[in-house]
Amino acid sequence: MKKVFQTKFGEYGNCLEACIASLFEINIDEVPSLRMGTWQNDLNEWLIKKYGLWSITITAGKPIPITDSNIIAIGMSERGLKHAVIYCQGKLLHDPHPSNTGILEVDEFDLILKYF
């Protein structure tokens, strides 16, 4: 994994795009802009076309699943905004925000799987 940091901040930041760029070890500009409401469809359209993969979002239970795979975890940041980070084995692996404070609690997580 290559740590990519977000370049836009606030309500319309690109933390999710930075997490995806980190996982695929690509430049953040190669990831489509993902906006509230349509981000899951837009992401899946891009993932299928480019990598043959599919993304699913799961509401987090407690505790967060412990897996050797990197997952995108989404929750509230201490800045009062929904934020995406990367977890591995139940622990914060990468926060694309320069504060590196992570999220307060995982509300949902996103898995990227092979598309059948």
PDB file of N, CA and C in Angstrom:
ATOM      1  N   MET A   1       0.833  -1.178   0.000  1.00  0.00           N
ATOM      2  CA  MET A   1       0.000   0.000   0.000  1.00  0.00           C
ATOM      3  C   MET A   1       0.878   1.241   0.000  1.00  0.00           C
ATOM      4  N   LYS A   2       0.493   2.202  -0.831  1.00  0.00           N
ATOM      5  CA  LYS A   2       1.179   3.492  -0.919  1.00  0.00           C
ATOM      6  C   LYS A   2       0.299   4.530  -0.236  1.00  0.00           C
ATOM      7  N   LYS A   3       0.830   5.241   0.740  1.00  0.00           N
ATOM      8  CA  LYS A   3       0.026   6.234   1.456  1.00  0.00           C
ATOM      9  C   LYS A   3      -0.183   7.467   0.586  1.00  0.00           C
ATOM     10  N   VAL A   4      -1.439   7.704   0.245  1.00  0.00           N
ATOM     11  CA  VAL A   4      -1.836   8.871  -0.538  1.00  0.00           C
ATOM     12  C   VAL A   4      -2.666   9.761   0.385  1.00  0.00           C
ATOM     13  N   PHE A   5      -2.413  11.051   0.356  1.00  0.00           N
ATOM     14  CA  PHE A   5      -3.118  11.980   1.228  1.00  0.00           C
ATOM     15  C   PHE A   5      -4.136  12.794   0.455  1.00  0.00           C
ATOM     16  N   GLN A   6      -5.211  13.147   1.138  1.00  0.00           N
ATOM     17  CA  GLN A   6      -6.266  13.916   0.503  1.00  0.00           C
ATOM     18  C   GLN A   6      -5.762  15.310   0.143  1.00  0.00           C
ATOM     19  N   THR A   7      -6.356  15.862  -0.904  1.00  0.00           N
ATOM     20  CA  THR A   7      -5.967  17.187  -1.394  1.00  0.00           C
ATOM     21  C   THR A   7      -7.096  18.197  -1.239  1.00  0.00           C
ATOM     22  N   LYS A   8      -8.293  17.715  -0.889  1.00  0.00           N
ATOM     23  CA  LYS A   8      -9.449  18.582  -0.648  1.00  0.00           C
ATOM     24  C   LYS A   8      -9.955  18.274   0.753  1.00  0.00           C
ATOM     25  N   PHE A   9     -10.436  19.318   1.442  1.00  0.00           N
ATOM     26  CA  PHE A   9     -10.811  19.175   2.845  1.00  0.00           C
ATOM     27  C   PHE A   9     -12.203  19.732   3.095  1.00  0.00           C
ATOM     28  N   GLY A  10     -12.743  19.421   4.255  1.00  0.00           N
ATOM     29  CA  GLY A  10     -14.057  19.923   4.631  1.00  0.00           C
ATOM     30  C   GLY A  10     -15.157  18.998   4.152  1.00  0.00           C
ATOM     31  N   GLU A  11     -16.341  19.542   4.054  1.00  0.00           N
ATOM     32  CA  GLU A  11     -17.523  18.753   3.695  1.00  0.00           C
ATOM     33  C   GLU A  11     -17.367  18.060   2.338  1.00  0.00           C
ATOM     34  N   TYR A  12     -16.642  18.667   1.430  1.00  0.00           N
ATOM     35  CA  TYR A  12     -16.457  18.088   0.094  1.00  0.00           C
ATOM     36  C   TYR A  12     -15.022  17.623  -0.115  1.00  0.00           C
ATOM     37  N   GLY A  13     -14.426  17.077   0.929  1.00  0.00           N
ATOM     38  CA  GLY A  13     -13.061  16.577   0.849  1.00  0.00           C
ATOM     39  C   GLY A  13     -12.973  15.300   0.024  1.00  0.00           C
ATOM     40  N   ASN A  14     -11.749  14.839  -0.209  1.00  0.00           N
ATOM     41  CA  ASN A  14     -11.560  13.631  -1.022  1.00  0.00           C
ATOM     42  C   ASN A  14     -10.796  12.544  -0.258  1.00  0.00           C
ATOM     43  N   CYS A  15     -11.175  12.338   1.001  1.00  0.00           N
ATOM     44  CA  CYS A  15     -10.533  11.304   1.809  1.00  0.00           C
ATOM     45  C   CYS A  15     -10.803   9.907   1.251  1.00  0.00           C
ATOM     46  N   LEU A  16     -12.008   9.665   0.774  1.00  0.00           N
ATOM     47  CA  LEU A  16     -12.331   8.354   0.213  1.00  0.00           C
ATOM     48  C   LEU A  16     -11.498   8.079  -1.036  1.00  0.00           C
ATOM     49  N   GLU A  17     -11.385   9.063  -1.908  1.00  0.00           N
ATOM     50  CA  GLU A  17     -10.566   8.916  -3.111  1.00  0.00           C
ATOM     51  C   GLU A  17      -9.103   8.647  -2.736  1.00  0.00           C
ATOM     52  N   ALA A  18      -8.620   9.322  -1.674  1.00  0.00           N
ATOM     53  CA  ALA A  18      -7.245   9.104  -1.218  1.00  0.00           C
ATOM     54  C   ALA A  18      -7.055   7.679  -0.689  1.00  0.00           C
ATOM     55  N   CYS A  19      -8.057   7.157   0.009  1.00  0.00           N
ATOM     56  CA  CYS A  19      -7.976   5.774   0.508  1.00  0.00           C
ATOM     57  C   CYS A  19      -7.923   4.793  -0.664  1.00  0.00           C
ATOM     58  N   ILE A  20      -8.765   5.011  -1.652  1.00  0.00           N
ATOM     59  CA  ILE A  20      -8.784   4.120  -2.821  1.00  0.00           C
ATOM     60  C   ILE A  20      -7.463   4.205  -3.575  1.00  0.00           C
ATOM     61  N   ALA A  21      -6.958   5.421  -3.755  1.00  0.00           N
ATOM     62  CA  ALA A  21      -5.656   5.591  -4.423  1.00  0.00           C
ATOM     63  C   ALA A  21      -4.560   4.880  -3.639  1.00  0.00           C
ATOM     64  N   SER A  22      -4.616   4.948  -2.323  1.00  0.00           N
ATOM     65  CA  SER A  22      -3.625   4.271  -1.481  1.00  0.00           C
ATOM     66  C   SER A  22      -3.672   2.765  -1.683  1.00  0.00           C
ATOM     67  N   LEU A  23      -4.876   2.198  -1.666  1.00  0.00           N
ATOM     68  CA  LEU A  23      -5.029   0.748  -1.818  1.00  0.00           C
ATOM     69  C   LEU A  23      -4.542   0.254  -3.178  1.00  0.00           C
ATOM     70  N   PHE A  24      -4.798   1.033  -4.221  1.00  0.00           N
ATOM     71  CA  PHE A  24      -4.403   0.627  -5.576  1.00  0.00           C
ATOM     72  C   PHE A  24      -3.041   1.170  -5.992  1.00  0.00           C
ATOM     73  N   GLU A  25      -2.421   1.929  -5.083  1.00  0.00           N
ATOM     74  CA  GLU A  25      -1.096   2.508  -5.325  1.00  0.00           C
ATOM     75  C   GLU A  25      -1.065   3.306  -6.623  1.00  0.00           C
ATOM     76  N   ILE A  26      -2.062   4.208  -6.748  1.00  0.00           N
ATOM     77  CA  ILE A  26      -2.158   5.080  -7.911  1.00  0.00           C
ATOM     78  C   ILE A  26      -2.262   6.525  -7.440  1.00  0.00           C
ATOM     79  N   ASN A  27      -2.165   7.451  -8.378  1.00  0.00           N
ATOM     80  CA  ASN A  27      -2.304   8.860  -8.081  1.00  0.00           C
ATOM     81  C   ASN A  27      -3.769   9.163  -7.777  1.00  0.00           C
ATOM     82  N   ILE A  28      -4.022  10.047  -6.839  1.00  0.00           N
ATOM     83  CA  ILE A  28      -5.396  10.386  -6.447  1.00  0.00           C
ATOM     84  C   ILE A  28      -6.200  10.916  -7.626  1.00  0.00           C
ATOM     85  N   ASP A  29      -5.549  11.554  -8.573  1.00  0.00           N
ATOM     86  CA  ASP A  29      -6.247  12.089  -9.745  1.00  0.00           C
ATOM     87  C   ASP A  29      -6.778  10.999 -10.677  1.00  0.00           C
ATOM     88  N   GLU A  30      -6.327   9.769 -10.504  1.00  0.00           N
ATOM     89  CA  GLU A  30      -6.810   8.656 -11.316  1.00  0.00           C
ATOM     90  C   GLU A  30      -8.131   8.081 -10.794  1.00  0.00           C
ATOM     91  N   VAL A  31      -8.493   8.433  -9.571  1.00  0.00           N
ATOM     92  CA  VAL A  31      -9.729   7.944  -8.959  1.00  0.00           C
ATOM     93  C   VAL A  31     -10.841   8.933  -9.295  1.00  0.00           C
ATOM     94  N   PRO A  32     -12.003   8.444  -9.712  1.00  0.00           N
ATOM     95  CA  PRO A  32     -13.091   9.380 -10.031  1.00  0.00           C
ATOM     96  C   PRO A  32     -13.546  10.137  -8.788  1.00  0.00           C
ATOM     97  N   SER A  33     -14.075  11.324  -8.996  1.00  0.00           N
ATOM     98  CA  SER A  33     -14.618  12.117  -7.902  1.00  0.00           C
ATOM     99  C   SER A  33     -15.863  11.416  -7.370  1.00  0.00           C
ATOM    100  N   LEU A  34     -15.901  11.164  -6.074  1.00  0.00           N
ATOM    101  CA  LEU A  34     -16.998  10.417  -5.460  1.00  0.00           C
ATOM    102  C   LEU A  34     -17.771  11.333  -4.532  1.00  0.00           C
ATOM    103  N   ARG A  35     -19.037  11.528  -4.808  1.00  0.00           N
ATOM    104  CA  ARG A  35     -19.881  12.448  -4.045  1.00  0.00           C
ATOM    105  C   ARG A  35     -21.000  11.704  -3.331  1.00  0.00           C
ATOM    106  N   MET A  36     -21.450  12.305  -2.239  1.00  0.00           N
ATOM    107  CA  MET A  36     -22.546  11.737  -1.453  1.00  0.00           C
ATOM    108  C   MET A  36     -23.734  11.434  -2.364  1.00  0.00           C
ATOM    109  N   GLY A  37     -24.394  10.340  -2.088  1.00  0.00           N
ATOM    110  CA  GLY A  37     -25.574   9.973  -2.849  1.00  0.00           C
ATOM    111  C   GLY A  37     -25.294   9.010  -3.989  1.00  0.00           C
ATOM    112  N   THR A  38     -24.240   9.259  -4.754  1.00  0.00           N
ATOM    113  CA  THR A  38     -23.942   8.406  -5.910  1.00  0.00           C
ATOM    114  C   THR A  38     -22.575   7.742  -5.818  1.00  0.00           C
ATOM    115  N   TRP A  39     -21.848   7.948  -4.725  1.00  0.00           N
ATOM    116  CA  TRP A  39     -20.459   7.493  -4.683  1.00  0.00           C
ATOM    117  C   TRP A  39     -20.326   5.982  -4.871  1.00  0.00           C
ATOM    118  N   GLN A  40     -21.213   5.201  -4.272  1.00  0.00           N
ATOM    119  CA  GLN A  40     -21.082   3.740  -4.368  1.00  0.00           C
ATOM    120  C   GLN A  40     -21.250   3.277  -5.816  1.00  0.00           C
ATOM    121  N   ASN A  41     -22.248   3.790  -6.517  1.00  0.00           N
ATOM    122  CA  ASN A  41     -22.446   3.420  -7.924  1.00  0.00           C
ATOM    123  C   ASN A  41     -21.283   3.877  -8.792  1.00  0.00           C
ATOM    124  N   ASP A  42     -20.837   5.118  -8.578  1.00  0.00           N
ATOM    125  CA  ASP A  42     -19.716   5.652  -9.364  1.00  0.00           C
ATOM    126  C   ASP A  42     -18.438   4.849  -9.118  1.00  0.00           C
ATOM    127  N   LEU A  43     -18.192   4.514  -7.859  1.00  0.00           N
ATOM    128  CA  LEU A  43     -17.008   3.722  -7.525  1.00  0.00           C
ATOM    129  C   LEU A  43     -17.083   2.352  -8.174  1.00  0.00           C
ATOM    130  N   ASN A  44     -18.234   1.693  -8.076  1.00  0.00           N
ATOM    131  CA  ASN A  44     -18.355   0.350  -8.646  1.00  0.00           C
ATOM    132  C   ASN A  44     -18.236   0.348 -10.168  1.00  0.00           C
ATOM    133  N   GLU A  45     -18.796   1.332 -10.808  1.00  0.00           N
ATOM    134  CA  GLU A  45     -18.662   1.431 -12.261  1.00  0.00           C
ATOM    135  C   GLU A  45     -17.183   1.522 -12.654  1.00  0.00           C
ATOM    136  N   TRP A  46     -16.427   2.333 -11.926  1.00  0.00           N
ATOM    137  CA  TRP A  46     -14.988   2.505 -12.186  1.00  0.00           C
ATOM    138  C   TRP A  46     -14.210   1.218 -11.849  1.00  0.00           C
ATOM    139  N   LEU A  47     -14.510   0.623 -10.677  1.00  0.00           N
ATOM    140  CA  LEU A  47     -13.802  -0.588 -10.258  1.00  0.00           C
ATOM    141  C   LEU A  47     -14.012  -1.746 -11.231  1.00  0.00           C
ATOM    142  N   ILE A  48     -15.250  -1.932 -11.675  1.00  0.00           N
ATOM    143  CA  ILE A  48     -15.549  -3.029 -12.602  1.00  0.00           C
ATOM    144  C   ILE A  48     -14.812  -2.826 -13.916  1.00  0.00           C
ATOM    145  N   LYS A  49     -14.910  -1.617 -14.442  1.00  0.00           N
ATOM    146  CA  LYS A  49     -14.305  -1.327 -15.738  1.00  0.00           C
ATOM    147  C   LYS A  49     -12.779  -1.435 -15.695  1.00  0.00           C
ATOM    148  N   LYS A  50     -12.167  -0.903 -14.648  1.00  0.00           N
ATOM    149  CA  LYS A  50     -10.703  -0.818 -14.587  1.00  0.00           C
ATOM    150  C   LYS A  50     -10.042  -2.072 -14.006  1.00  0.00           C
ATOM    151  N   TYR A  51     -10.680  -2.695 -12.990  1.00  0.00           N
ATOM    152  CA  TYR A  51     -10.019  -3.780 -12.266  1.00  0.00           C
ATOM    153  C   TYR A  51     -10.819  -5.082 -12.196  1.00  0.00           C
ATOM    154  N   GLY A  52     -12.065  -5.067 -12.618  1.00  0.00           N
ATOM    155  CA  GLY A  52     -12.896  -6.253 -12.465  1.00  0.00           C
ATOM    156  C   GLY A  52     -13.239  -6.524 -11.009  1.00  0.00           C
ATOM    157  N   LEU A  53     -13.352  -5.464 -10.223  1.00  0.00           N
ATOM    158  CA  LEU A  53     -13.644  -5.578  -8.797  1.00  0.00           C
ATOM    159  C   LEU A  53     -14.955  -4.876  -8.472  1.00  0.00           C
ATOM    160  N   TRP A  54     -15.452  -5.121  -7.264  1.00  0.00           N
ATOM    161  CA  TRP A  54     -16.725  -4.590  -6.803  1.00  0.00           C
ATOM    162  C   TRP A  54     -16.567  -4.168  -5.349  1.00  0.00           C
ATOM    163  N   SER A  55     -17.226  -3.110  -4.963  1.00  0.00           N
ATOM    164  CA  SER A  55     -17.158  -2.604  -3.602  1.00  0.00           C
ATOM    165  C   SER A  55     -18.509  -2.787  -2.914  1.00  0.00           C
ATOM    166  N   ILE A  56     -18.471  -3.245  -1.671  1.00  0.00           N
ATOM    167  CA  ILE A  56     -19.697  -3.308  -0.872  1.00  0.00           C
ATOM    168  C   ILE A  56     -19.449  -2.578   0.441  1.00  0.00           C
ATOM    169  N   THR A  57     -20.473  -1.905   0.910  1.00  0.00           N
ATOM    170  CA  THR A  57     -20.391  -1.190   2.183  1.00  0.00           C
ATOM    171  C   THR A  57     -21.245  -1.927   3.194  1.00  0.00           C
ATOM    172  N   ILE A  58     -20.674  -2.145   4.369  1.00  0.00           N
ATOM    173  CA  ILE A  58     -21.357  -2.886   5.423  1.00  0.00           C
ATOM    174  C   ILE A  58     -21.410  -2.007   6.666  1.00  0.00           C
ATOM    175  N   THR A  59     -22.600  -1.922   7.261  1.00  0.00           N
ATOM    176  CA  THR A  59     -22.714  -1.197   8.530  1.00  0.00           C
ATOM    177  C   THR A  59     -21.915  -1.961   9.569  1.00  0.00           C
ATOM    178  N   ALA A  60     -21.074  -1.249  10.269  1.00  0.00           N
ATOM    179  CA  ALA A  60     -20.137  -1.886  11.187  1.00  0.00           C
ATOM    180  C   ALA A  60     -20.850  -2.443  12.409  1.00  0.00           C
ATOM    181  N   GLY A  61     -20.456  -3.640  12.762  1.00  0.00           N
ATOM    182  CA  GLY A  61     -20.848  -4.198  14.039  1.00  0.00           C
ATOM    183  C   GLY A  61     -19.707  -3.939  15.003  1.00  0.00           C
ATOM    184  N   LYS A  62     -19.849  -4.390  16.181  1.00  0.00           N
ATOM    185  CA  LYS A  62     -18.764  -4.217  17.134  1.00  0.00           C
ATOM    186  C   LYS A  62     -18.309  -5.595  17.558  1.00  0.00           C
ATOM    187  N   PRO A  63     -17.058  -5.904  17.516  1.00  0.00           N
ATOM    188  CA  PRO A  63     -15.979  -5.043  17.025  1.00  0.00           C
ATOM    189  C   PRO A  63     -15.882  -5.102  15.499  1.00  0.00           C
ATOM    190  N   ILE A  64     -15.066  -4.225  14.935  1.00  0.00           N
ATOM    191  CA  ILE A  64     -14.825  -4.238  13.499  1.00  0.00           C
ATOM    192  C   ILE A  64     -14.155  -5.567  13.144  1.00  0.00           C
ATOM    193  N   PRO A  65     -14.480  -6.141  12.011  1.00  0.00           N
ATOM    194  CA  PRO A  65     -13.868  -7.419  11.652  1.00  0.00           C
ATOM    195  C   PRO A  65     -12.339  -7.338  11.608  1.00  0.00           C
ATOM    196  N   ILE A  66     -11.716  -8.321  12.175  1.00  0.00           N
ATOM    197  CA  ILE A  66     -10.252  -8.396  12.142  1.00  0.00           C
ATOM    198  C   ILE A  66      -9.880  -9.218  10.918  1.00  0.00           C
ATOM    199  N   THR A  67      -9.202  -8.586   9.989  1.00  0.00           N
ATOM    200  CA  THR A  67      -8.820  -9.256   8.758  1.00  0.00           C
ATOM    201  C   THR A  67      -7.438  -8.801   8.344  1.00  0.00           C
ATOM    202  N   ASP A  68      -6.732  -9.659   7.631  1.00  0.00           N
ATOM    203  CA  ASP A  68      -5.426  -9.285   7.115  1.00  0.00           C
ATOM    204  C   ASP A  68      -5.542  -8.371   5.902  1.00  0.00           C
ATOM    205  N   SER A  69      -6.734  -8.246   5.365  1.00  0.00           N
ATOM    206  CA  SER A  69      -6.970  -7.364   4.222  1.00  0.00           C
ATOM    207  C   SER A  69      -7.139  -5.930   4.696  1.00  0.00           C
ATOM    208  N   ASN A  70      -6.689  -4.996   3.877  1.00  0.00           N
ATOM    209  CA  ASN A  70      -6.925  -3.585   4.168  1.00  0.00           C
ATOM    210  C   ASN A  70      -8.372  -3.269   3.819  1.00  0.00           C
ATOM    211  N   ILE A  71      -9.058  -2.572   4.717  1.00  0.00           N
ATOM    212  CA  ILE A  71     -10.430  -2.177   4.461  1.00  0.00           C
ATOM    213  C   ILE A  71     -10.562  -0.667   4.663  1.00  0.00           C
ATOM    214  N   ILE A  72     -11.517  -0.087   3.983  1.00  0.00           N
ATOM    215  CA  ILE A  72     -11.795   1.326   4.176  1.00  0.00           C
ATOM    216  C   ILE A  72     -12.843   1.422   5.280  1.00  0.00           C
ATOM    217  N   ALA A  73     -12.500   2.118   6.349  1.00  0.00           N
ATOM    218  CA  ALA A  73     -13.417   2.321   7.476  1.00  0.00           C
ATOM    219  C   ALA A  73     -13.913   3.762   7.423  1.00  0.00           C
ATOM    220  N   ILE A  74     -15.197   3.938   7.679  1.00  0.00           N
ATOM    221  CA  ILE A  74     -15.805   5.261   7.605  1.00  0.00           C
ATOM    222  C   ILE A  74     -16.485   5.566   8.930  1.00  0.00           C
ATOM    223  N   GLY A  75     -16.269   6.767   9.418  1.00  0.00           N
ATOM    224  CA  GLY A  75     -16.883   7.190  10.672  1.00  0.00           C
ATOM    225  C   GLY A  75     -16.680   8.675  10.875  1.00  0.00           C
ATOM    226  N   MET A  76     -17.087   9.168  12.028  1.00  0.00           N
ATOM    227  CA  MET A  76     -16.977  10.584  12.340  1.00  0.00           C
ATOM    228  C   MET A  76     -15.559  10.904  12.812  1.00  0.00           C
ATOM    229  N   SER A  77     -15.009  11.975  12.263  1.00  0.00           N
ATOM    230  CA  SER A  77     -13.698  12.440  12.706  1.00  0.00           C
ATOM    231  C   SER A  77     -13.877  13.389  13.883  1.00  0.00           C
ATOM    232  N   GLU A  78     -12.797  13.698  14.557  1.00  0.00           N
ATOM    233  CA  GLU A  78     -12.881  14.669  15.656  1.00  0.00           C
ATOM    234  C   GLU A  78     -13.163  16.072  15.129  1.00  0.00           C
ATOM    235  N   ARG A  79     -13.077  16.254  13.814  1.00  0.00           N
ATOM    236  CA  ARG A  79     -13.404  17.532  13.183  1.00  0.00           C
ATOM    237  C   ARG A  79     -14.906  17.672  12.930  1.00  0.00           C
ATOM    238  N   GLY A  80     -15.686  16.634  13.279  1.00  0.00           N
ATOM    239  CA  GLY A  80     -17.133  16.686  13.127  1.00  0.00           C
ATOM    240  C   GLY A  80     -17.616  16.366  11.726  1.00  0.00           C
ATOM    241  N   LEU A  81     -16.767  15.723  10.926  1.00  0.00           N
ATOM    242  CA  LEU A  81     -17.113  15.353   9.556  1.00  0.00           C
ATOM    243  C   LEU A  81     -16.964  13.856   9.369  1.00  0.00           C
ATOM    244  N   LYS A  82     -17.801  13.284   8.507  1.00  0.00           N
ATOM    245  CA  LYS A  82     -17.641  11.880   8.139  1.00  0.00           C
ATOM    246  C   LYS A  82     -16.307  11.749   7.404  1.00  0.00           C
ATOM    247  N   HIS A  83     -15.555  10.699   7.719  1.00  0.00           N
ATOM    248  CA  HIS A  83     -14.188  10.581   7.215  1.00  0.00           C
ATOM    249  C   HIS A  83     -13.881   9.123   6.888  1.00  0.00           C
ATOM    250  N   ALA A  84     -13.065   8.913   5.870  1.00  0.00           N
ATOM    251  CA  ALA A  84     -12.640   7.570   5.464  1.00  0.00           C
ATOM    252  C   ALA A  84     -11.157   7.390   5.762  1.00  0.00           C
ATOM    253  N   VAL A  85     -10.822   6.229   6.305  1.00  0.00           N
ATOM    254  CA  VAL A  85      -9.444   5.858   6.625  1.00  0.00           C
ATOM    255  C   VAL A  85      -9.255   4.387   6.240  1.00  0.00           C
ATOM    256  N   ILE A  86      -8.045   3.895   6.370  1.00  0.00           N
ATOM    257  CA  ILE A  86      -7.771   2.487   6.075  1.00  0.00           C
ATOM    258  C   ILE A  86      -7.400   1.768   7.372  1.00  0.00           C
ATOM    259  N   TYR A  87      -8.073   0.648   7.599  1.00  0.00           N
ATOM    260  CA  TYR A  87      -7.808  -0.214   8.743  1.00  0.00           C
ATOM    261  C   TYR A  87      -7.233  -1.538   8.251  1.00  0.00           C
ATOM    262  N   CYS A  88      -6.445  -2.168   9.082  1.00  0.00           N
ATOM    263  CA  CYS A  88      -5.975  -3.531   8.852  1.00  0.00           C
ATOM    264  C   CYS A  88      -5.859  -4.204  10.212  1.00  0.00           C
ATOM    265  N   GLN A  89      -6.355  -5.395  10.321  1.00  0.00           N
ATOM    266  CA  GLN A  89      -6.357  -6.155  11.571  1.00  0.00           C
ATOM    267  C   GLN A  89      -6.964  -5.363  12.721  1.00  0.00           C
ATOM    268  N   GLY A  90      -8.035  -4.621  12.420  1.00  0.00           N
ATOM    269  CA  GLY A  90      -8.757  -3.885  13.450  1.00  0.00           C
ATOM    270  C   GLY A  90      -8.106  -2.606  13.919  1.00  0.00           C
ATOM    271  N   LYS A  91      -7.021  -2.192  13.262  1.00  0.00           N
ATOM    272  CA  LYS A  91      -6.291  -0.995  13.695  1.00  0.00           C
ATOM    273  C   LYS A  91      -6.100  -0.034  12.525  1.00  0.00           C
ATOM    274  N   LEU A  92      -6.004   1.255  12.866  1.00  0.00           N
ATOM    275  CA  LEU A  92      -5.769   2.284  11.865  1.00  0.00           C
ATOM    276  C   LEU A  92      -4.426   2.050  11.188  1.00  0.00           C
ATOM    277  N   LEU A  93      -4.453   1.935   9.878  1.00  0.00           N
ATOM    278  CA  LEU A  93      -3.230   1.758   9.092  1.00  0.00           C
ATOM    279  C   LEU A  93      -2.840   3.066   8.406  1.00  0.00           C
ATOM    280  N   HIS A  94      -3.840   3.808   7.906  1.00  0.00           N
ATOM    281  CA  HIS A  94      -3.551   5.056   7.193  1.00  0.00           C
ATOM    282  C   HIS A  94      -4.726   6.016   7.290  1.00  0.00           C
ATOM    283  N   ASP A  95      -4.424   7.242   7.690  1.00  0.00           N
ATOM    284  CA  ASP A  95      -5.399   8.329   7.672  1.00  0.00           C
ATOM    285  C   ASP A  95      -4.939   9.299   6.598  1.00  0.00           C
ATOM    286  N   PRO A  96      -5.745   9.526   5.554  1.00  0.00           N
ATOM    287  CA  PRO A  96      -5.318  10.411   4.483  1.00  0.00           C
ATOM    288  C   PRO A  96      -5.339  11.900   4.863  1.00  0.00           C
ATOM    289  N   HIS A  97      -5.877  12.238   6.040  1.00  0.00           N
ATOM    290  CA  HIS A  97      -5.885  13.627   6.507  1.00  0.00           C
ATOM    291  C   HIS A  97      -4.548  13.912   7.204  1.00  0.00           C
ATOM    292  N   PRO A  98      -3.973  15.102   6.995  1.00  0.00           N
ATOM    293  CA  PRO A  98      -2.664  15.392   7.603  1.00  0.00           C
ATOM    294  C   PRO A  98      -2.645  15.354   9.129  1.00  0.00           C
ATOM    295  N   SER A  99      -3.801  15.478   9.783  1.00  0.00           N
ATOM    296  CA  SER A  99      -3.837  15.422  11.248  1.00  0.00           C
ATOM    297  C   SER A  99      -3.518  14.024  11.761  1.00  0.00           C
ATOM    298  N   ASN A 100      -3.790  12.991  10.951  1.00  0.00           N
ATOM    299  CA  ASN A 100      -3.556  11.591  11.314  1.00  0.00           C
ATOM    300  C   ASN A 100      -4.278  11.187  12.597  1.00  0.00           C
ATOM    301  N   THR A 101      -5.456  11.771  12.844  1.00  0.00           N
ATOM    302  CA  THR A 101      -6.199  11.464  14.072  1.00  0.00           C
ATOM    303  C   THR A 101      -7.223  10.352  13.881  1.00  0.00           C
ATOM    304  N   GLY A 102      -7.423   9.913  12.650  1.00  0.00           N
ATOM    305  CA  GLY A 102      -8.334   8.800  12.408  1.00  0.00           C
ATOM    306  C   GLY A 102      -9.791   9.175  12.599  1.00  0.00           C
ATOM    307  N   ILE A 103     -10.573   8.179  13.003  1.00  0.00           N
ATOM    308  CA  ILE A 103     -11.998   8.394  13.247  1.00  0.00           C
ATOM    309  C   ILE A 103     -12.309   7.995  14.678  1.00  0.00           C
ATOM    310  N   LEU A 104     -13.381   8.545  15.200  1.00  0.00           N
ATOM    311  CA  LEU A 104     -13.746   8.277  16.593  1.00  0.00           C
ATOM    312  C   LEU A 104     -14.315   6.878  16.766  1.00  0.00           C
ATOM    313  N   GLU A 105     -15.083   6.436  15.784  1.00  0.00           N
ATOM    314  CA  GLU A 105     -15.696   5.116  15.828  1.00  0.00           C
ATOM    315  C   GLU A 105     -16.038   4.702  14.400  1.00  0.00           C
ATOM    316  N   VAL A 106     -15.913   3.440  14.104  1.00  0.00           N
ATOM    317  CA  VAL A 106     -16.230   2.938  12.774  1.00  0.00           C
ATOM    318  C   VAL A 106     -17.740   2.756  12.655  1.00  0.00           C
ATOM    319  N   ASP A 107     -18.353   3.484  11.704  1.00  0.00           N
ATOM    320  CA  ASP A 107     -19.789   3.356  11.453  1.00  0.00           C
ATOM    321  C   ASP A 107     -20.073   2.327  10.365  1.00  0.00           C
ATOM    322  N   GLU A 108     -19.192   2.272   9.394  1.00  0.00           N
ATOM    323  CA  GLU A 108     -19.336   1.328   8.287  1.00  0.00           C
ATOM    324  C   GLU A 108     -17.972   1.055   7.701  1.00  0.00           C
ATOM    325  N   PHE A 109     -17.889  -0.022   6.961  1.00  0.00           N
ATOM    326  CA  PHE A 109     -16.634  -0.303   6.288  1.00  0.00           C
ATOM    327  C   PHE A 109     -16.919  -0.771   4.885  1.00  0.00           C
ATOM    328  N   ASP A 110     -15.933  -0.581   4.043  1.00  0.00           N
ATOM    329  CA  ASP A 110     -16.081  -0.863   2.625  1.00  0.00           C
ATOM    330  C   ASP A 110     -15.070  -1.942   2.237  1.00  0.00           C
ATOM    331  N   LEU A 111     -15.564  -2.991   1.625  1.00  0.00           N
ATOM    332  CA  LEU A 111     -14.717  -4.076   1.156  1.00  0.00           C
ATOM    333  C   LEU A 111     -14.677  -4.046  -0.366  1.00  0.00           C
ATOM    334  N   ILE A 112     -13.528  -4.296  -0.928  1.00  0.00           N
ATOM    335  CA  ILE A 112     -13.392  -4.365  -2.375  1.00  0.00           C
ATOM    336  C   ILE A 112     -13.118  -5.817  -2.720  1.00  0.00           C
ATOM    337  N   LEU A 113     -14.026  -6.393  -3.496  1.00  0.00           N
ATOM    338  CA  LEU A 113     -14.023  -7.820  -3.784  1.00  0.00           C
ATOM    339  C   LEU A 113     -13.937  -8.078  -5.283  1.00  0.00           C
ATOM    340  N   LYS A 114     -13.602  -9.303  -5.640  1.00  0.00           N
ATOM    341  CA  LYS A 114     -13.604  -9.695  -7.035  1.00  0.00           C
ATOM    342  C   LYS A 114     -15.039  -9.686  -7.550  1.00  0.00           C
ATOM    343  N   TYR A 115     -15.237  -9.109  -8.720  1.00  0.00           N
ATOM    344  CA  TYR A 115     -16.576  -9.020  -9.327  1.00  0.00           C
ATOM    345  C   TYR A 115     -16.840 -10.287 -10.117  1.00  0.00           C
ATOM    346  N   PHE A 116     -17.982 -10.928  -9.866  1.00  0.00           N
ATOM    347  CA  PHE A 116     -18.337 -12.160 -10.571  1.00  0.00           C
ATOM    348  C   PHE A 116     -19.413 -11.878 -11.579  1.00  0.00           C
TER     349      PHE A 116
END
